Amino acid sequence: MNIALPSPQQDVGLSDGNRALCRAAPLAPGMRSGRPALLPSPAGIRHGCDGRTRTVVANEGIENRMLTNIMYVTIYVTDQDRALEFYTEGLGLEKRLDFPGPDGRFLTVGVPDSPVEIILWSHAPAAGQPGGAGAPGPLILESEDLRKDFEIMRRRGVVFEESGPVDYPFGVRVEAVDPDGNRISLRQSRKP
């Protein structure tokens, strides 16, 4: 069955429903007007709030997207067993991989149900960790209830830079410190 679609140059206008969406669209951060740029329509045709019709090519921009996911982040540690204990028993992460590799032991942990894995990579002791007070650590983990999780982690022996979570405009934050001095930022986003 063939369906006749308007050409990209042909202005099919906006339906009453899409006109209402254009008028009612909330102002999004970074937008100059409160109108969405394009409204959905059938088979590759999009109607703009300015009344013009555009053709959208399927998978447009996909060929420019080279990266698809964050697989690993690395935390450098001097004792992998001690680090594994801190990240699993202290912070509550789960052990994912642990096997010998050509360059050393490949050990990872991760947040349950998250595809991102944290490599606990062995290295010689460093002359301190980068960043000063107030700078984020190399790893930022999110919590739904940071104040509650802070108390649980503190009872487990996790060391923190602050005496408790601190309120900020973006939410709540506290910095944990692993056995090698890496600062681990723990955050809770502000709820609307």
Protein backbone atom coordinates (compact mmCIF):
# COMPACT_ATOMS: atom_id res chain seq x y z
CA MET A 1 0.00 0.00 0.00
CA ASN A 2 1.38 3.41 -0.94
CA ILE A 3 0.75 6.43 1.25
CA ALA A 4 0.96 9.83 -0.34
CA LEU A 5 3.08 12.15 1.74
CA PRO A 6 3.62 15.84 1.13
CA SER A 7 6.96 16.82 -0.34
CA PRO A 8 9.41 18.57 1.99
CA GLN A 9 8.81 21.82 0.15
CA GLN A 10 5.03 21.60 0.55
CA ASP A 11 3.68 23.33 3.67
CA VAL A 12 1.03 21.08 5.16
CA GLY A 13 0.58 23.42 8.12
CA LEU A 14 -0.06 22.49 11.71
CA SER A 15 -2.96 20.53 13.06
CA ASP A 16 -5.06 22.18 15.75
CA GLY A 17 -3.45 19.80 18.29
CA ASN A 18 0.09 20.73 17.22
CA ARG A 19 -0.80 24.44 17.24
CA ALA A 20 -1.92 23.97 20.84
CA LEU A 21 1.37 22.18 21.66
CA CYS A 22 3.33 25.07 20.18
CA ARG A 23 1.42 27.62 22.25
CA ALA A 24 1.59 25.56 25.46
CA ALA A 25 5.20 24.37 25.22
CA PRO A 26 7.16 25.34 28.34
CA LEU A 27 10.37 27.30 28.04
CA ALA A 28 13.26 24.82 28.23
CA PRO A 29 16.71 25.83 29.52
CA GLY A 30 18.79 27.28 26.70
CA MET A 31 15.81 27.85 24.39
CA ARG A 32 15.12 31.31 23.07
CA SER A 33 11.42 30.70 22.85
CA GLY A 34 9.08 28.30 24.55
CA ARG A 35 8.26 26.49 21.33
CA PRO A 36 9.69 23.09 20.48
CA ALA A 37 11.66 23.17 17.23
CA LEU A 38 9.86 20.23 15.64
CA LEU A 39 6.69 18.32 16.41
CA PRO A 40 6.29 14.62 15.55
CA SER A 41 4.43 13.68 12.43
CA PRO A 42 4.25 10.57 10.23
CA ALA A 43 7.04 9.06 8.12
CA GLY A 44 9.90 11.49 8.30
CA ILE A 45 7.89 14.71 8.05
CA ARG A 46 8.13 17.13 10.94
CA HIS A 47 6.12 20.27 11.45
CA GLY A 48 7.86 23.18 13.11
CA CYS A 49 6.10 25.61 15.38
CA ASP A 50 7.00 28.24 12.82
CA GLY A 51 4.57 26.50 10.43
CA ARG A 52 7.29 25.19 8.08
CA THR A 53 7.53 21.51 7.18
CA ARG A 54 10.84 19.66 7.21
CA THR A 55 11.93 16.19 6.20
CA VAL A 56 13.83 14.24 8.82
CA VAL A 57 16.06 11.49 7.48
CA ALA A 58 15.95 8.23 9.44
CA ASN A 59 19.10 7.77 11.55
CA GLU A 60 20.18 11.34 10.78
CA GLY A 61 23.41 12.09 12.65
CA ILE A 62 24.06 8.44 13.54
CA GLU A 63 27.09 8.29 11.22
CA ASN A 64 28.62 11.14 13.24
CA ARG A 65 28.07 9.34 16.54
CA MET A 66 31.18 7.28 17.13
CA LEU A 67 30.91 6.54 20.85
CA THR A 68 27.93 4.79 22.40
CA ASN A 69 28.60 4.19 26.08
CA ILE A 70 30.99 4.66 28.98
CA MET A 71 32.37 1.18 29.68
CA TYR A 72 35.00 1.78 32.35
CA VAL A 73 36.47 4.48 34.53
CA THR A 74 39.74 3.87 36.35
CA ILE A 75 40.63 4.52 39.97
CA TYR A 76 44.32 4.03 40.74
CA VAL A 77 44.96 2.09 43.93
CA THR A 78 48.03 0.75 45.69
CA ASP A 79 46.37 -2.38 47.15
CA GLN A 80 43.62 -3.94 45.04
CA ASP A 81 42.30 -6.20 47.81
CA ARG A 82 42.01 -3.29 50.25
CA ALA A 83 40.33 -1.18 47.54
CA LEU A 84 37.91 -4.01 46.70
CA GLU A 85 36.91 -4.21 50.36
CA PHE A 86 36.36 -0.43 50.53
CA TYR A 87 34.28 -0.19 47.35
CA THR A 88 32.17 -3.32 47.98
CA GLU A 89 31.80 -3.47 51.76
CA GLY A 90 32.11 0.28 52.43
CA LEU A 91 30.31 1.90 49.49
CA GLY A 92 28.10 -1.08 48.63
CA LEU A 93 29.23 -1.59 45.02
CA GLU A 94 29.32 -5.07 43.52
CA LYS A 95 32.41 -6.93 42.33
CA ARG A 96 32.18 -7.53 38.55
CA LEU A 97 35.44 -8.86 37.08
CA ASP A 98 38.58 -10.23 38.65
CA PHE A 99 41.18 -12.02 36.54
CA PRO A 100 44.89 -11.86 35.78
CA GLY A 101 45.78 -9.97 32.64
CA PRO A 102 48.97 -9.41 30.67
CA ASP A 103 49.52 -6.05 32.42
CA GLY A 104 48.31 -7.06 35.88
CA ARG A 105 45.14 -7.99 37.73
CA PHE A 106 41.98 -6.70 36.02
CA LEU A 107 39.55 -5.94 38.84
CA THR A 108 36.27 -4.06 38.43
CA VAL A 109 33.34 -3.04 40.60
CA GLY A 110 30.10 -1.29 39.71
CA VAL A 111 26.84 0.14 40.93
CA PRO A 112 24.16 -2.58 40.82
CA ASP A 113 22.11 -2.35 37.59
CA SER A 114 24.57 0.11 35.98
CA PRO A 115 26.56 -0.94 32.90
CA VAL A 116 29.55 1.25 33.84
CA GLU A 117 32.40 -0.56 35.58
CA ILE A 118 35.11 0.98 37.75
CA ILE A 119 38.57 -0.49 37.24
CA LEU A 120 40.58 -0.69 40.45
CA TRP A 121 44.01 -0.52 38.80
CA SER A 122 47.18 -1.16 40.76
CA HIS A 123 49.96 1.43 40.67
CA ALA A 124 52.81 2.60 42.85
CA PRO A 125 51.96 5.11 45.58
CA ALA A 126 51.56 8.62 44.17
CA ALA A 127 52.64 11.94 45.62
CA GLY A 128 49.08 12.91 46.48
CA GLN A 129 45.82 13.08 44.63
CA PRO A 130 44.91 15.81 42.14
CA GLY A 131 42.52 18.63 42.99
CA GLY A 132 42.13 20.66 46.13
CA ALA A 133 39.28 21.10 48.56
CA GLY A 134 35.95 21.53 46.83
CA ALA A 135 37.11 19.91 43.57
CA PRO A 136 35.14 16.81 42.58
CA GLY A 137 36.82 13.46 42.99
CA PRO A 138 37.63 11.22 40.02
CA LEU A 139 34.39 9.35 40.58
CA ILE A 140 30.92 10.75 41.30
CA LEU A 141 28.25 8.33 42.50
CA GLU A 142 24.57 9.17 42.85
CA SER A 143 22.26 8.29 45.71
CA GLU A 144 18.50 8.59 46.04
CA ASP A 145 18.81 9.30 49.79
CA LEU A 146 22.34 10.53 50.50
CA ARG A 147 21.78 11.37 54.16
CA LYS A 148 20.60 7.83 54.89
CA ASP A 149 23.37 6.25 52.79
CA PHE A 150 25.96 8.48 54.48
CA GLU A 151 24.99 7.09 57.90
CA ILE A 152 25.19 3.49 56.64
CA MET A 153 28.60 4.08 55.02
CA ARG A 154 29.92 5.86 58.11
CA ARG A 155 28.93 2.86 60.27
CA ARG A 156 30.82 0.66 57.78
CA GLY A 157 33.97 2.71 58.41
CA VAL A 158 34.00 4.93 55.30
CA VAL A 159 35.99 8.13 55.91
CA PHE A 160 34.43 11.43 54.77
CA GLU A 161 35.92 14.91 54.35
CA GLU A 162 32.85 16.55 55.87
CA SER A 163 30.95 15.75 59.06
CA GLY A 164 27.83 15.15 56.97
CA PRO A 165 26.18 15.80 53.60
CA VAL A 166 26.05 19.46 52.59
CA ASP A 167 23.20 21.18 50.75
CA TYR A 168 24.03 22.92 47.45
CA PRO A 169 21.80 24.52 44.80
CA PHE A 170 22.03 21.31 42.71
CA GLY A 171 21.24 18.98 45.60
CA VAL A 172 23.23 17.33 48.38
CA ARG A 173 26.92 16.36 48.33
CA VAL A 174 29.55 14.69 50.49
CA GLU A 175 33.10 13.52 49.70
CA ALA A 176 34.30 10.07 50.77
CA VAL A 177 37.99 9.19 50.77
CA ASP A 178 39.22 5.74 49.75
CA PRO A 179 42.27 4.08 51.38
CA ASP A 180 44.57 5.60 48.70
CA GLY A 181 43.29 9.15 49.21
CA ASN A 182 41.03 9.21 46.12
CA ARG A 183 38.07 11.48 46.78
CA ILE A 184 34.77 9.85 45.81
CA SER A 185 31.98 12.39 45.36
CA LEU A 186 28.57 11.20 46.50
CA ARG A 187 25.63 13.24 45.23
CA GLN A 188 21.87 13.43 45.44
CA SER A 189 20.10 15.58 42.88
CA ARG A 190 17.63 18.17 44.08
CA LYS A 191 14.09 16.94 43.68
CA PRO A 192 11.59 19.29 42.03
